[in-house]
Amino acid sequence: MANSPQAKKRARQNEKRYAINKARRSRIRTQLRKVEEAIASGDRSAAAEALKAAQPELMRGVTKGVIHKNTAARKMSRLSGRVKALS
């Protein structure tokens, strides 16, 4: 349990940051799921649109420190390859 004033403040800041990061991660996962669903349906144009919408969300997650740069790059690479394979 936090006793000192700065430890109490830190606990408050951590809670707030946790909520923000959780929401951001959730938004990223939602975008990725939309791409997956579009790929599964076999609709290349919808998959390309979903990928285009997911890319900035992933990169925003990187700049905000929610996910690692290489993780985002790997996800983008694999998804774009799968979208490209649809024909």
N, C-alpha and C. Protein backbone atom coordinates (compact mmCIF):
# COMPACT_ATOMS: atom_id res chain seq x y z
N MET A 1 0.84 -1.19 0.00
CA MET A 1 0.00 0.00 0.00
C MET A 1 0.88 1.25 0.00
N ALA A 2 0.52 2.20 -0.84
CA ALA A 2 1.29 3.43 -0.94
C ALA A 2 1.08 4.28 0.30
N ASN A 3 2.19 4.74 0.90
CA ASN A 3 2.10 5.56 2.11
C ASN A 3 2.48 7.01 1.87
N SER A 4 3.59 7.22 1.17
CA SER A 4 4.05 8.59 0.95
C SER A 4 3.19 9.27 -0.12
N PRO A 5 3.11 10.60 -0.07
CA PRO A 5 2.29 11.32 -1.06
C PRO A 5 2.69 11.01 -2.50
N GLN A 6 4.01 10.93 -2.76
CA GLN A 6 4.43 10.67 -4.15
C GLN A 6 4.08 9.25 -4.59
N ALA A 7 4.10 8.30 -3.63
CA ALA A 7 3.72 6.92 -3.96
C ALA A 7 2.23 6.85 -4.25
N LYS A 8 1.44 7.63 -3.50
CA LYS A 8 -0.02 7.68 -3.74
C LYS A 8 -0.30 8.27 -5.11
N LYS A 9 0.42 9.33 -5.44
CA LYS A 9 0.23 9.96 -6.75
C LYS A 9 0.62 8.99 -7.86
N ARG A 10 1.74 8.29 -7.65
CA ARG A 10 2.19 7.31 -8.63
C ARG A 10 1.12 6.24 -8.86
N ALA A 11 0.50 5.78 -7.77
CA ALA A 11 -0.55 4.76 -7.87
C ALA A 11 -1.71 5.28 -8.70
N ARG A 12 -2.08 6.55 -8.48
CA ARG A 12 -3.17 7.15 -9.26
C ARG A 12 -2.79 7.23 -10.73
N GLN A 13 -1.57 7.68 -10.99
CA GLN A 13 -1.11 7.82 -12.38
C GLN A 13 -1.07 6.46 -13.07
N ASN A 14 -0.62 5.44 -12.34
CA ASN A 14 -0.53 4.10 -12.92
C ASN A 14 -1.90 3.57 -13.29
N GLU A 15 -2.91 3.82 -12.43
CA GLU A 15 -4.28 3.37 -12.73
C GLU A 15 -4.79 4.04 -13.99
N LYS A 16 -4.58 5.35 -14.09
CA LYS A 16 -5.06 6.10 -15.25
C LYS A 16 -4.38 5.61 -16.53
N ARG A 17 -3.06 5.45 -16.47
CA ARG A 17 -2.28 5.01 -17.62
C ARG A 17 -2.68 3.59 -18.04
N TYR A 18 -2.94 2.73 -17.03
CA TYR A 18 -3.37 1.36 -17.30
C TYR A 18 -4.67 1.35 -18.09
N ALA A 19 -5.62 2.19 -17.69
CA ALA A 19 -6.91 2.25 -18.39
C ALA A 19 -6.73 2.73 -19.83
N ILE A 20 -5.90 3.75 -20.00
CA ILE A 20 -5.66 4.30 -21.34
C ILE A 20 -4.99 3.25 -22.24
N ASN A 21 -3.96 2.58 -21.71
CA ASN A 21 -3.25 1.57 -22.49
C ASN A 21 -4.14 0.39 -22.83
N LYS A 22 -5.00 0.02 -21.88
CA LYS A 22 -5.93 -1.10 -22.08
C LYS A 22 -6.88 -0.78 -23.23
N ALA A 23 -7.40 0.45 -23.23
CA ALA A 23 -8.32 0.88 -24.29
C ALA A 23 -7.61 0.90 -25.64
N ARG A 24 -6.38 1.37 -25.64
CA ARG A 24 -5.61 1.45 -26.89
C ARG A 24 -5.32 0.05 -27.44
N ARG A 25 -4.92 -0.87 -26.55
CA ARG A 25 -4.66 -2.25 -26.97
C ARG A 25 -5.92 -2.89 -27.53
N SER A 26 -7.04 -2.61 -26.88
CA SER A 26 -8.32 -3.15 -27.32
C SER A 26 -8.67 -2.64 -28.72
N ARG A 27 -8.43 -1.35 -28.94
CA ARG A 27 -8.73 -0.75 -30.25
C ARG A 27 -7.86 -1.38 -31.34
N ILE A 28 -6.60 -1.63 -31.01
CA ILE A 28 -5.68 -2.27 -31.97
C ILE A 28 -6.17 -3.67 -32.30
N ARG A 29 -6.53 -4.44 -31.26
CA ARG A 29 -7.00 -5.81 -31.47
C ARG A 29 -8.26 -5.84 -32.31
N THR A 30 -9.16 -4.87 -32.09
CA THR A 30 -10.39 -4.79 -32.87
C THR A 30 -10.08 -4.58 -34.35
N GLN A 31 -9.17 -3.66 -34.62
CA GLN A 31 -8.79 -3.39 -36.01
C GLN A 31 -8.17 -4.63 -36.66
N LEU A 32 -7.31 -5.33 -35.92
CA LEU A 32 -6.67 -6.53 -36.46
C LEU A 32 -7.71 -7.62 -36.71
N ARG A 33 -8.70 -7.73 -35.81
CA ARG A 33 -9.74 -8.73 -35.98
C ARG A 33 -10.57 -8.43 -37.24
N LYS A 34 -10.83 -7.15 -37.50
CA LYS A 34 -11.58 -6.78 -38.71
C LYS A 34 -10.83 -7.20 -39.97
N VAL A 35 -9.51 -7.05 -39.95
CA VAL A 35 -8.70 -7.48 -41.09
C VAL A 35 -8.79 -9.00 -41.25
N GLU A 36 -8.64 -9.71 -40.12
CA GLU A 36 -8.72 -11.18 -40.14
C GLU A 36 -10.06 -11.64 -40.71
N GLU A 37 -11.14 -11.01 -40.28
CA GLU A 37 -12.48 -11.40 -40.75
C GLU A 37 -12.64 -11.13 -42.24
N ALA A 38 -12.09 -10.01 -42.69
CA ALA A 38 -12.17 -9.68 -44.12
C ALA A 38 -11.37 -10.68 -44.94
N ILE A 39 -10.22 -11.09 -44.42
CA ILE A 39 -9.39 -12.09 -45.12
C ILE A 39 -10.15 -13.42 -45.16
N ALA A 40 -10.76 -13.79 -44.04
CA ALA A 40 -11.50 -15.05 -43.97
C ALA A 40 -12.68 -15.07 -44.93
N SER A 41 -13.32 -13.91 -45.12
CA SER A 41 -14.46 -13.85 -46.04
C SER A 41 -14.01 -13.92 -47.50
N GLY A 42 -12.72 -13.64 -47.74
CA GLY A 42 -12.18 -13.73 -49.10
C GLY A 42 -12.35 -12.48 -49.92
N ASP A 43 -12.82 -11.40 -49.29
CA ASP A 43 -13.05 -10.14 -49.99
C ASP A 43 -11.78 -9.29 -49.95
N ARG A 44 -11.07 -9.24 -51.08
CA ARG A 44 -9.78 -8.56 -51.10
C ARG A 44 -9.90 -7.06 -50.87
N SER A 45 -10.91 -6.41 -51.48
CA SER A 45 -11.04 -4.96 -51.32
C SER A 45 -11.37 -4.59 -49.87
N ALA A 46 -12.25 -5.38 -49.24
CA ALA A 46 -12.60 -5.11 -47.84
C ALA A 46 -11.39 -5.35 -46.94
N ALA A 47 -10.62 -6.39 -47.25
CA ALA A 47 -9.43 -6.70 -46.46
C ALA A 47 -8.40 -5.59 -46.60
N ALA A 48 -8.25 -5.06 -47.81
CA ALA A 48 -7.29 -3.98 -48.05
C ALA A 48 -7.71 -2.73 -47.30
N GLU A 49 -9.00 -2.43 -47.29
CA GLU A 49 -9.52 -1.27 -46.57
C GLU A 49 -9.30 -1.42 -45.06
N ALA A 50 -9.59 -2.62 -44.56
CA ALA A 50 -9.42 -2.89 -43.13
C ALA A 50 -7.95 -2.78 -42.73
N LEU A 51 -7.08 -3.26 -43.61
CA LEU A 51 -5.63 -3.18 -43.35
C LEU A 51 -5.18 -1.73 -43.32
N LYS A 52 -5.72 -0.94 -44.23
CA LYS A 52 -5.38 0.48 -44.31
C LYS A 52 -5.82 1.21 -43.03
N ALA A 53 -6.94 0.77 -42.46
CA ALA A 53 -7.43 1.38 -41.22
C ALA A 53 -6.64 0.89 -40.00
N ALA A 54 -6.15 -0.35 -40.07
CA ALA A 54 -5.43 -0.93 -38.93
C ALA A 54 -4.01 -0.40 -38.81
N GLN A 55 -3.40 -0.05 -39.94
CA GLN A 55 -2.00 0.37 -39.93
C GLN A 55 -1.72 1.57 -39.02
N PRO A 56 -2.48 2.68 -39.15
CA PRO A 56 -2.19 3.81 -38.26
C PRO A 56 -2.43 3.49 -36.79
N GLU A 57 -3.42 2.64 -36.53
CA GLU A 57 -3.73 2.25 -35.15
C GLU A 57 -2.55 1.48 -34.55
N LEU A 58 -1.98 0.57 -35.34
CA LEU A 58 -0.80 -0.19 -34.89
C LEU A 58 0.38 0.74 -34.62
N MET A 59 0.64 1.64 -35.55
CA MET A 59 1.77 2.54 -35.41
C MET A 59 1.58 3.50 -34.24
N ARG A 60 0.34 3.89 -33.98
CA ARG A 60 0.04 4.74 -32.83
C ARG A 60 0.36 3.98 -31.54
N GLY A 61 0.05 2.68 -31.54
CA GLY A 61 0.37 1.85 -30.39
C GLY A 61 1.86 1.80 -30.14
N VAL A 62 2.63 1.82 -31.22
CA VAL A 62 4.10 1.80 -31.09
C VAL A 62 4.58 3.12 -30.48
N THR A 63 4.09 4.24 -31.01
CA THR A 63 4.57 5.54 -30.52
C THR A 63 4.15 5.77 -29.07
N LYS A 64 3.02 5.20 -28.67
CA LYS A 64 2.55 5.37 -27.29
C LYS A 64 3.14 4.33 -26.35
N GLY A 65 3.91 3.40 -26.89
CA GLY A 65 4.60 2.44 -26.04
C GLY A 65 3.75 1.26 -25.60
N VAL A 66 2.63 1.02 -26.27
CA VAL A 66 1.74 -0.08 -25.90
C VAL A 66 2.26 -1.40 -26.48
N ILE A 67 2.78 -1.33 -27.71
CA ILE A 67 3.36 -2.53 -28.33
C ILE A 67 4.75 -2.18 -28.87
N HIS A 68 5.55 -3.20 -29.06
CA HIS A 68 6.91 -3.01 -29.56
C HIS A 68 6.89 -2.77 -31.06
N LYS A 69 7.86 -2.00 -31.52
CA LYS A 69 7.98 -1.64 -32.93
C LYS A 69 8.05 -2.87 -33.83
N ASN A 70 8.87 -3.85 -33.45
CA ASN A 70 9.04 -5.05 -34.27
C ASN A 70 7.77 -5.90 -34.30
N THR A 71 7.03 -5.89 -33.20
CA THR A 71 5.77 -6.64 -33.15
C THR A 71 4.78 -6.05 -34.16
N ALA A 72 4.68 -4.73 -34.17
CA ALA A 72 3.78 -4.06 -35.10
C ALA A 72 4.21 -4.31 -36.54
N ALA A 73 5.52 -4.24 -36.79
CA ALA A 73 6.04 -4.47 -38.14
C ALA A 73 5.74 -5.90 -38.59
N ARG A 74 5.91 -6.85 -37.69
CA ARG A 74 5.66 -8.26 -38.02
C ARG A 74 4.18 -8.48 -38.34
N LYS A 75 3.30 -7.90 -37.51
CA LYS A 75 1.86 -8.06 -37.74
C LYS A 75 1.45 -7.44 -39.09
N MET A 76 1.97 -6.23 -39.37
CA MET A 76 1.64 -5.57 -40.63
C MET A 76 2.14 -6.38 -41.82
N SER A 77 3.35 -6.91 -41.71
CA SER A 77 3.95 -7.67 -42.79
C SER A 77 3.14 -8.93 -43.08
N ARG A 78 2.80 -9.65 -42.03
CA ARG A 78 2.06 -10.90 -42.21
C ARG A 78 0.66 -10.65 -42.76
N LEU A 79 -0.01 -9.62 -42.23
CA LEU A 79 -1.37 -9.32 -42.70
C LEU A 79 -1.35 -8.85 -44.15
N SER A 80 -0.40 -7.97 -44.49
CA SER A 80 -0.35 -7.46 -45.86
C SER A 80 -0.03 -8.58 -46.84
N GLY A 81 0.80 -9.52 -46.42
CA GLY A 81 1.09 -10.67 -47.27
C GLY A 81 -0.14 -11.53 -47.52
N ARG A 82 -0.94 -11.71 -46.47
CA ARG A 82 -2.16 -12.51 -46.62
C ARG A 82 -3.21 -11.80 -47.47
N VAL A 83 -3.28 -10.47 -47.33
CA VAL A 83 -4.23 -9.70 -48.15
C VAL A 83 -3.79 -9.76 -49.61
N LYS A 84 -2.49 -9.64 -49.84
CA LYS A 84 -1.95 -9.69 -51.19
C LYS A 84 -2.20 -11.06 -51.84
N ALA A 85 -2.17 -12.11 -51.02
CA ALA A 85 -2.37 -13.47 -51.54
C ALA A 85 -3.80 -13.71 -52.01
N LEU A 86 -4.76 -12.92 -51.46
CA LEU A 86 -6.16 -13.06 -51.91
C LEU A 86 -6.24 -12.62 -53.37
N SER A 87 -6.98 -13.36 -54.18
CA SER A 87 -7.14 -12.91 -55.56
C SER A 87 -8.41 -13.46 -56.17
